[in-house]
Amino acid sequence: MKTTTETPGTDEFAALCRQAWNTLIPARAGYLADVSPHYDEVLHDVAQRTEHTGSLGKTDIAALVVWKRLSAQTRWVTDLMSLPDTHVRAVTERAVTAVRDTTLTRSDAARTGRSVIWELPGFRTGDALASAILTAAAPQRMAVYDRRVQHALNGLGLPLTPAPGRYGRYLQLLDDLLHHGGARADGWTTRDIDTALYWTGRPNPAPSR
């Protein structure tokens, strides 16, 4: 298992990962039961286009802004829209290539892709939209990160600080959860885990029954 400076003692960390599945499994079931199966159509559409084009343009990024329910009334949107679409696609093409590179570990691919996306306006702080773009580029390898996910990880005692390289460490953490999940993790993807974490981290969740 690859470790980082954030990883607690090996035995303690493995126990935390195993315990997390007691939360992830019902959370994933709750997500599937309560969230419309059509909600992710925007992400799927962008992913399908990216599969054929190998890059994302300004229209794709705008769609993901709506999907993530982010504000478009910010300076970075103006700066991004002022760039030629060819420039945006040239940057995102390198990021797509990075996250699809199976010679790299998932976490290293995530770290490389995130460092490329950093070049575009709006992607130098925070990982929510950047992670959506990278997930659209490689939906079977990457996962979405946001503040709900962070809240869930904090509650589970799984460390993920905002230090540089967070997105790569996040993907490593998801791999660790899969590794320690045993039979309970069978059939799960990193995207399944991120939706379970998202559901766990929602504000004021209903008490478990």
C-alpha atoms as a PDB file:
ATOM      1  CA  MET A   1       0.000   0.000   0.000  1.00  0.00           C
ATOM      2  CA  LYS A   2       1.352   3.419  -0.920  1.00  0.00           C
ATOM      3  CA  THR A   3       1.352   5.803   2.020  1.00  0.00           C
ATOM      4  CA  THR A   4       1.598   9.561   2.437  1.00  0.00           C
ATOM      5  CA  THR A   5       2.653  11.820   5.284  1.00  0.00           C
ATOM      6  CA  GLU A   6      -1.056  12.045   6.178  1.00  0.00           C
ATOM      7  CA  THR A   7      -1.498   8.300   6.619  1.00  0.00           C
ATOM      8  CA  PRO A   8      -1.816   7.171  10.266  1.00  0.00           C
ATOM      9  CA  GLY A   9      -0.114   4.018  11.523  1.00  0.00           C
ATOM     10  CA  THR A  10      -0.730   1.164   9.101  1.00  0.00           C
ATOM     11  CA  ASP A  11      -2.900  -0.939  11.423  1.00  0.00           C
ATOM     12  CA  GLU A  12      -4.914   2.053  12.603  1.00  0.00           C
ATOM     13  CA  PHE A  13      -5.437   3.282   9.053  1.00  0.00           C
ATOM     14  CA  ALA A  14      -6.507  -0.157   7.798  1.00  0.00           C
ATOM     15  CA  ALA A  15      -9.028  -0.374  10.635  1.00  0.00           C
ATOM     16  CA  LEU A  16     -10.420   3.061   9.760  1.00  0.00           C
ATOM     17  CA  CYS A  17     -10.794   2.018   6.113  1.00  0.00           C
ATOM     18  CA  ARG A  18     -12.590  -1.203   7.057  1.00  0.00           C
ATOM     19  CA  GLN A  19     -14.862   0.655   9.439  1.00  0.00           C
ATOM     20  CA  ALA A  20     -15.679   3.247   6.761  1.00  0.00           C
ATOM     21  CA  TRP A  21     -17.486   0.580   4.733  1.00  0.00           C
ATOM     22  CA  ASN A  22     -20.137   0.412   7.454  1.00  0.00           C
ATOM     23  CA  THR A  23     -21.006   3.950   6.355  1.00  0.00           C
ATOM     24  CA  LEU A  24     -20.240   3.761   2.623  1.00  0.00           C
ATOM     25  CA  ILE A  25     -22.536   0.837   1.796  1.00  0.00           C
ATOM     26  CA  PRO A  26     -25.782   2.312   3.199  1.00  0.00           C
ATOM     27  CA  ALA A  27     -24.785   5.778   1.950  1.00  0.00           C
ATOM     28  CA  ARG A  28     -24.393   4.500  -1.602  1.00  0.00           C
ATOM     29  CA  ALA A  29     -27.786   2.783  -1.326  1.00  0.00           C
ATOM     30  CA  GLY A  30     -29.312   6.038  -0.078  1.00  0.00           C
ATOM     31  CA  TYR A  31     -27.764   7.985  -2.936  1.00  0.00           C
ATOM     32  CA  LEU A  32     -29.131   5.582  -5.535  1.00  0.00           C
ATOM     33  CA  ALA A  33     -32.566   5.593  -3.929  1.00  0.00           C
ATOM     34  CA  ASP A  34     -32.947   9.374  -3.547  1.00  0.00           C
ATOM     35  CA  VAL A  35     -31.004  10.952  -6.429  1.00  0.00           C
ATOM     36  CA  SER A  36     -32.610  10.931  -9.869  1.00  0.00           C
ATOM     37  CA  PRO A  37     -30.922   8.479 -12.228  1.00  0.00           C
ATOM     38  CA  HIS A  38     -30.987  11.308 -14.782  1.00  0.00           C
ATOM     39  CA  TYR A  39     -28.966  13.736 -12.663  1.00  0.00           C
ATOM     40  CA  ASP A  40     -25.591  12.563 -13.957  1.00  0.00           C
ATOM     41  CA  GLU A  41     -26.612  12.714 -17.623  1.00  0.00           C
ATOM     42  CA  VAL A  42     -24.598  15.915 -18.070  1.00  0.00           C
ATOM     43  CA  LEU A  43     -21.456  14.248 -16.722  1.00  0.00           C
ATOM     44  CA  HIS A  44     -22.063  11.203 -18.915  1.00  0.00           C
ATOM     45  CA  ASP A  45     -22.619  13.363 -22.009  1.00  0.00           C
ATOM     46  CA  VAL A  46     -19.390  15.278 -21.412  1.00  0.00           C
ATOM     47  CA  ALA A  47     -17.539  12.014 -20.776  1.00  0.00           C
ATOM     48  CA  GLN A  48     -18.828  10.540 -24.046  1.00  0.00           C
ATOM     49  CA  ARG A  49     -17.735  13.604 -26.014  1.00  0.00           C
ATOM     50  CA  THR A  50     -14.348  13.559 -24.307  1.00  0.00           C
ATOM     51  CA  GLU A  51     -13.950   9.891 -25.203  1.00  0.00           C
ATOM     52  CA  HIS A  52     -14.175  10.830 -28.890  1.00  0.00           C
ATOM     53  CA  THR A  53     -12.397  14.209 -28.894  1.00  0.00           C
ATOM     54  CA  GLY A  54      -9.696  13.577 -26.286  1.00  0.00           C
ATOM     55  CA  SER A  55     -10.190  17.041 -24.805  1.00  0.00           C
ATOM     56  CA  LEU A  56     -12.759  19.322 -23.179  1.00  0.00           C
ATOM     57  CA  GLY A  57     -13.757  22.712 -24.519  1.00  0.00           C
ATOM     58  CA  LYS A  58     -15.361  25.732 -22.918  1.00  0.00           C
ATOM     59  CA  THR A  59     -18.844  24.356 -23.596  1.00  0.00           C
ATOM     60  CA  ASP A  60     -17.988  21.136 -21.758  1.00  0.00           C
ATOM     61  CA  ILE A  61     -16.567  23.048 -18.786  1.00  0.00           C
ATOM     62  CA  ALA A  62     -19.676  25.261 -18.691  1.00  0.00           C
ATOM     63  CA  ALA A  63     -21.863  22.153 -18.568  1.00  0.00           C
ATOM     64  CA  LEU A  64     -19.854  20.781 -15.641  1.00  0.00           C
ATOM     65  CA  VAL A  65     -20.163  24.113 -13.799  1.00  0.00           C
ATOM     66  CA  VAL A  66     -23.947  23.674 -13.918  1.00  0.00           C
ATOM     67  CA  TRP A  67     -23.677  19.983 -12.993  1.00  0.00           C
ATOM     68  CA  LYS A  68     -21.574  20.887  -9.920  1.00  0.00           C
ATOM     69  CA  ARG A  69     -23.965  23.770  -9.164  1.00  0.00           C
ATOM     70  CA  LEU A  70     -21.134  26.278  -9.044  1.00  0.00           C
ATOM     71  CA  SER A  71     -21.486  30.010  -9.566  1.00  0.00           C
ATOM     72  CA  ALA A  72     -20.654  31.331 -13.032  1.00  0.00           C
ATOM     73  CA  GLN A  73     -20.688  34.933 -11.772  1.00  0.00           C
ATOM     74  CA  THR A  74     -17.012  35.001 -10.897  1.00  0.00           C
ATOM     75  CA  ARG A  75     -13.920  36.567 -12.449  1.00  0.00           C
ATOM     76  CA  TRP A  76     -12.368  33.235 -13.420  1.00  0.00           C
ATOM     77  CA  VAL A  77     -15.317  32.452 -15.717  1.00  0.00           C
ATOM     78  CA  THR A  78     -14.724  35.702 -17.602  1.00  0.00           C
ATOM     79  CA  ASP A  79     -11.016  34.922 -17.856  1.00  0.00           C
ATOM     80  CA  LEU A  80     -11.685  31.377 -19.074  1.00  0.00           C
ATOM     81  CA  MET A  81     -14.255  32.474 -21.638  1.00  0.00           C
ATOM     82  CA  SER A  82     -11.786  35.063 -22.945  1.00  0.00           C
ATOM     83  CA  LEU A  83      -9.368  32.313 -23.956  1.00  0.00           C
ATOM     84  CA  PRO A  84      -9.582  30.699 -27.412  1.00  0.00           C
ATOM     85  CA  ASP A  85     -11.292  27.326 -27.231  1.00  0.00           C
ATOM     86  CA  THR A  86      -8.274  25.858 -29.026  1.00  0.00           C
ATOM     87  CA  HIS A  87      -6.092  26.880 -26.077  1.00  0.00           C
ATOM     88  CA  VAL A  88      -8.504  25.382 -23.542  1.00  0.00           C
ATOM     89  CA  ARG A  89      -8.603  22.148 -25.532  1.00  0.00           C
ATOM     90  CA  ALA A  90      -4.827  22.024 -25.820  1.00  0.00           C
ATOM     91  CA  VAL A  91      -4.535  22.159 -22.025  1.00  0.00           C
ATOM     92  CA  THR A  92      -7.351  19.715 -21.311  1.00  0.00           C
ATOM     93  CA  GLU A  93      -6.015  17.290 -23.930  1.00  0.00           C
ATOM     94  CA  ARG A  94      -2.802  16.953 -21.911  1.00  0.00           C
ATOM     95  CA  ALA A  95      -4.828  16.437 -18.747  1.00  0.00           C
ATOM     96  CA  VAL A  96      -6.982  13.780 -20.433  1.00  0.00           C
ATOM     97  CA  THR A  97      -3.868  11.958 -21.623  1.00  0.00           C
ATOM     98  CA  ALA A  98      -2.435  12.051 -18.095  1.00  0.00           C
ATOM     99  CA  VAL A  99      -5.442  10.600 -16.270  1.00  0.00           C
ATOM    100  CA  ARG A 100      -5.845   7.867 -18.881  1.00  0.00           C
ATOM    101  CA  ASP A 101      -2.206   6.809 -18.664  1.00  0.00           C
ATOM    102  CA  THR A 102      -2.394   3.310 -17.193  1.00  0.00           C
ATOM    103  CA  THR A 103       1.391   3.171 -16.782  1.00  0.00           C
ATOM    104  CA  LEU A 104       0.839   5.564 -13.860  1.00  0.00           C
ATOM    105  CA  THR A 105      -0.863   4.648 -10.613  1.00  0.00           C
ATOM    106  CA  ARG A 106      -4.308   6.150 -10.218  1.00  0.00           C
ATOM    107  CA  SER A 107      -3.029   8.680  -7.686  1.00  0.00           C
ATOM    108  CA  ASP A 108      -0.040   9.695  -9.824  1.00  0.00           C
ATOM    109  CA  ALA A 109      -2.278  10.072 -12.884  1.00  0.00           C
ATOM    110  CA  ALA A 110      -4.651  12.218 -10.830  1.00  0.00           C
ATOM    111  CA  ARG A 111      -1.794  14.355  -9.543  1.00  0.00           C
ATOM    112  CA  THR A 112      -0.402  14.872 -13.050  1.00  0.00           C
ATOM    113  CA  GLY A 113      -3.794  15.673 -14.567  1.00  0.00           C
ATOM    114  CA  ARG A 114      -4.558  18.118 -11.770  1.00  0.00           C
ATOM    115  CA  SER A 115      -1.240  19.920 -12.265  1.00  0.00           C
ATOM    116  CA  VAL A 116      -2.058  20.382 -15.953  1.00  0.00           C
ATOM    117  CA  ILE A 117      -5.573  21.736 -15.312  1.00  0.00           C
ATOM    118  CA  TRP A 118      -3.984  24.241 -12.907  1.00  0.00           C
ATOM    119  CA  GLU A 119      -2.887  26.224 -15.981  1.00  0.00           C
ATOM    120  CA  LEU A 120      -6.464  27.332 -16.737  1.00  0.00           C
ATOM    121  CA  PRO A 121      -8.231  30.235 -14.984  1.00  0.00           C
ATOM    122  CA  GLY A 122     -10.394  29.053 -12.120  1.00  0.00           C
ATOM    123  CA  PHE A 123      -8.417  25.898 -11.400  1.00  0.00           C
ATOM    124  CA  ARG A 124      -5.573  27.170  -9.225  1.00  0.00           C
ATOM    125  CA  THR A 125      -7.452  26.734  -5.965  1.00  0.00           C
ATOM    126  CA  GLY A 126     -10.012  24.130  -4.988  1.00  0.00           C
ATOM    127  CA  ASP A 127     -10.507  20.730  -6.575  1.00  0.00           C
ATOM    128  CA  ALA A 128     -14.262  20.460  -7.125  1.00  0.00           C
ATOM    129  CA  LEU A 129     -14.519  21.524 -10.780  1.00  0.00           C
ATOM    130  CA  ALA A 130     -11.061  20.209 -11.675  1.00  0.00           C
ATOM    131  CA  SER A 131     -12.026  16.798 -10.327  1.00  0.00           C
ATOM    132  CA  ALA A 132     -15.243  16.852 -12.366  1.00  0.00           C
ATOM    133  CA  ILE A 133     -13.250  17.537 -15.530  1.00  0.00           C
ATOM    134  CA  LEU A 134     -10.754  14.780 -14.786  1.00  0.00           C
ATOM    135  CA  THR A 135     -13.578  12.360 -13.953  1.00  0.00           C
ATOM    136  CA  ALA A 136     -15.266  13.157 -17.261  1.00  0.00           C
ATOM    137  CA  ALA A 137     -11.921  12.444 -18.937  1.00  0.00           C
ATOM    138  CA  ALA A 138     -11.491   9.051 -17.257  1.00  0.00           C
ATOM    139  CA  PRO A 139     -14.738   8.024 -15.524  1.00  0.00           C
ATOM    140  CA  GLN A 140     -13.470   4.530 -14.718  1.00  0.00           C
ATOM    141  CA  ARG A 141     -10.317   5.822 -12.984  1.00  0.00           C
ATOM    142  CA  MET A 142     -10.990   9.241 -11.444  1.00  0.00           C
ATOM    143  CA  ALA A 143     -13.505  10.521  -8.896  1.00  0.00           C
ATOM    144  CA  VAL A 144     -15.152  13.795  -7.917  1.00  0.00           C
ATOM    145  CA  TYR A 145     -14.036  15.732  -4.859  1.00  0.00           C
ATOM    146  CA  ASP A 146     -15.961  18.514  -3.109  1.00  0.00           C
ATOM    147  CA  ARG A 147     -16.612  19.908   0.357  1.00  0.00           C
ATOM    148  CA  ARG A 148     -19.265  17.276   1.103  1.00  0.00           C
ATOM    149  CA  VAL A 149     -16.692  14.578   0.394  1.00  0.00           C
ATOM    150  CA  GLN A 150     -14.217  16.363   2.649  1.00  0.00           C
ATOM    151  CA  HIS A 151     -16.804  16.603   5.424  1.00  0.00           C
ATOM    152  CA  ALA A 152     -17.497  12.874   5.142  1.00  0.00           C
ATOM    153  CA  LEU A 153     -13.810  11.980   5.235  1.00  0.00           C
ATOM    154  CA  ASN A 154     -13.340  14.134   8.328  1.00  0.00           C
ATOM    155  CA  GLY A 155     -16.220  12.356  10.012  1.00  0.00           C
ATOM    156  CA  LEU A 156     -14.743   8.966   9.166  1.00  0.00           C
ATOM    157  CA  GLY A 157     -11.367   9.954  10.579  1.00  0.00           C
ATOM    158  CA  LEU A 158      -9.654   9.598   7.205  1.00  0.00           C
ATOM    159  CA  PRO A 159      -7.028  12.343   6.788  1.00  0.00           C
ATOM    160  CA  LEU A 160      -7.012  14.616   3.734  1.00  0.00           C
ATOM    161  CA  THR A 161      -5.526  18.072   4.243  1.00  0.00           C
ATOM    162  CA  PRO A 162      -5.686  20.986   1.775  1.00  0.00           C
ATOM    163  CA  ALA A 163      -1.899  20.856   1.253  1.00  0.00           C
ATOM    164  CA  PRO A 164      -0.730  20.909  -2.393  1.00  0.00           C
ATOM    165  CA  GLY A 165      -1.363  17.635  -4.200  1.00  0.00           C
ATOM    166  CA  ARG A 166      -4.666  16.970  -2.426  1.00  0.00           C
ATOM    167  CA  TYR A 167      -6.411  15.480  -5.458  1.00  0.00           C
ATOM    168  CA  GLY A 168      -3.716  12.865  -5.965  1.00  0.00           C
ATOM    169  CA  ARG A 169      -3.830  11.989  -2.255  1.00  0.00           C
ATOM    170  CA  TYR A 170      -7.623  11.760  -2.484  1.00  0.00           C
ATOM    171  CA  LEU A 171      -7.404   9.150  -5.235  1.00  0.00           C
ATOM    172  CA  GLN A 172      -4.831   7.234  -3.203  1.00  0.00           C
ATOM    173  CA  LEU A 173      -7.225   7.293  -0.269  1.00  0.00           C
ATOM    174  CA  LEU A 174     -10.018   5.885  -2.434  1.00  0.00           C
ATOM    175  CA  ASP A 175      -7.681   3.135  -3.619  1.00  0.00           C
ATOM    176  CA  ASP A 176      -6.862   2.362   0.013  1.00  0.00           C
ATOM    177  CA  LEU A 177     -10.568   2.089   0.809  1.00  0.00           C
ATOM    178  CA  LEU A 178     -11.022  -0.354  -2.072  1.00  0.00           C
ATOM    179  CA  HIS A 179      -7.976  -2.318  -0.961  1.00  0.00           C
ATOM    180  CA  HIS A 180      -9.148  -2.666   2.635  1.00  0.00           C
ATOM    181  CA  GLY A 181     -12.809  -3.201   1.769  1.00  0.00           C
ATOM    182  CA  GLY A 182     -12.372  -6.896   1.062  1.00  0.00           C
ATOM    183  CA  ALA A 183     -15.425  -8.619  -0.367  1.00  0.00           C
ATOM    184  CA  ARG A 184     -17.582  -5.600   0.477  1.00  0.00           C
ATOM    185  CA  ALA A 185     -15.677  -3.567  -2.113  1.00  0.00           C
ATOM    186  CA  ASP A 186     -16.345  -6.056  -4.931  1.00  0.00           C
ATOM    187  CA  GLY A 187     -17.863  -4.272  -7.923  1.00  0.00           C
ATOM    188  CA  TRP A 188     -17.238  -0.815  -6.489  1.00  0.00           C
ATOM    189  CA  THR A 189     -15.433   1.919  -8.431  1.00  0.00           C
ATOM    190  CA  THR A 190     -13.816   5.083  -7.137  1.00  0.00           C
ATOM    191  CA  ARG A 191     -16.825   6.959  -8.522  1.00  0.00           C
ATOM    192  CA  ASP A 192     -19.129   4.763  -6.420  1.00  0.00           C
ATOM    193  CA  ILE A 193     -17.134   5.697  -3.341  1.00  0.00           C
ATOM    194  CA  ASP A 194     -17.206   9.404  -4.117  1.00  0.00           C
ATOM    195  CA  THR A 195     -21.024   9.358  -4.445  1.00  0.00           C
ATOM    196  CA  ALA A 196     -21.257   7.493  -1.120  1.00  0.00           C
ATOM    197  CA  LEU A 197     -18.999  10.086   0.503  1.00  0.00           C
ATOM    198  CA  TYR A 198     -21.013  12.895  -1.096  1.00  0.00           C
ATOM    199  CA  TRP A 199     -24.204  11.426   0.377  1.00  0.00           C
ATOM    200  CA  THR A 200     -22.579  10.934   3.772  1.00  0.00           C
ATOM    201  CA  GLY A 201     -21.371  14.534   3.825  1.00  0.00           C
ATOM    202  CA  ARG A 202     -24.693  16.155   2.961  1.00  0.00           C
ATOM    203  CA  PRO A 203     -25.938  18.728   5.491  1.00  0.00           C
ATOM    204  CA  ASN A 204     -28.317  17.514   8.186  1.00  0.00           C
ATOM    205  CA  PRO A 205     -28.751  13.930   6.943  1.00  0.00           C
ATOM    206  CA  ALA A 206     -31.751  12.025   8.266  1.00  0.00           C
ATOM    207  CA  PRO A 207     -30.941   9.698  11.196  1.00  0.00           C
ATOM    208  CA  SER A 208     -30.158   6.110  10.248  1.00  0.00           C
ATOM    209  CA  ARG A 209     -32.961   3.653  10.765  1.00  0.00           C
END
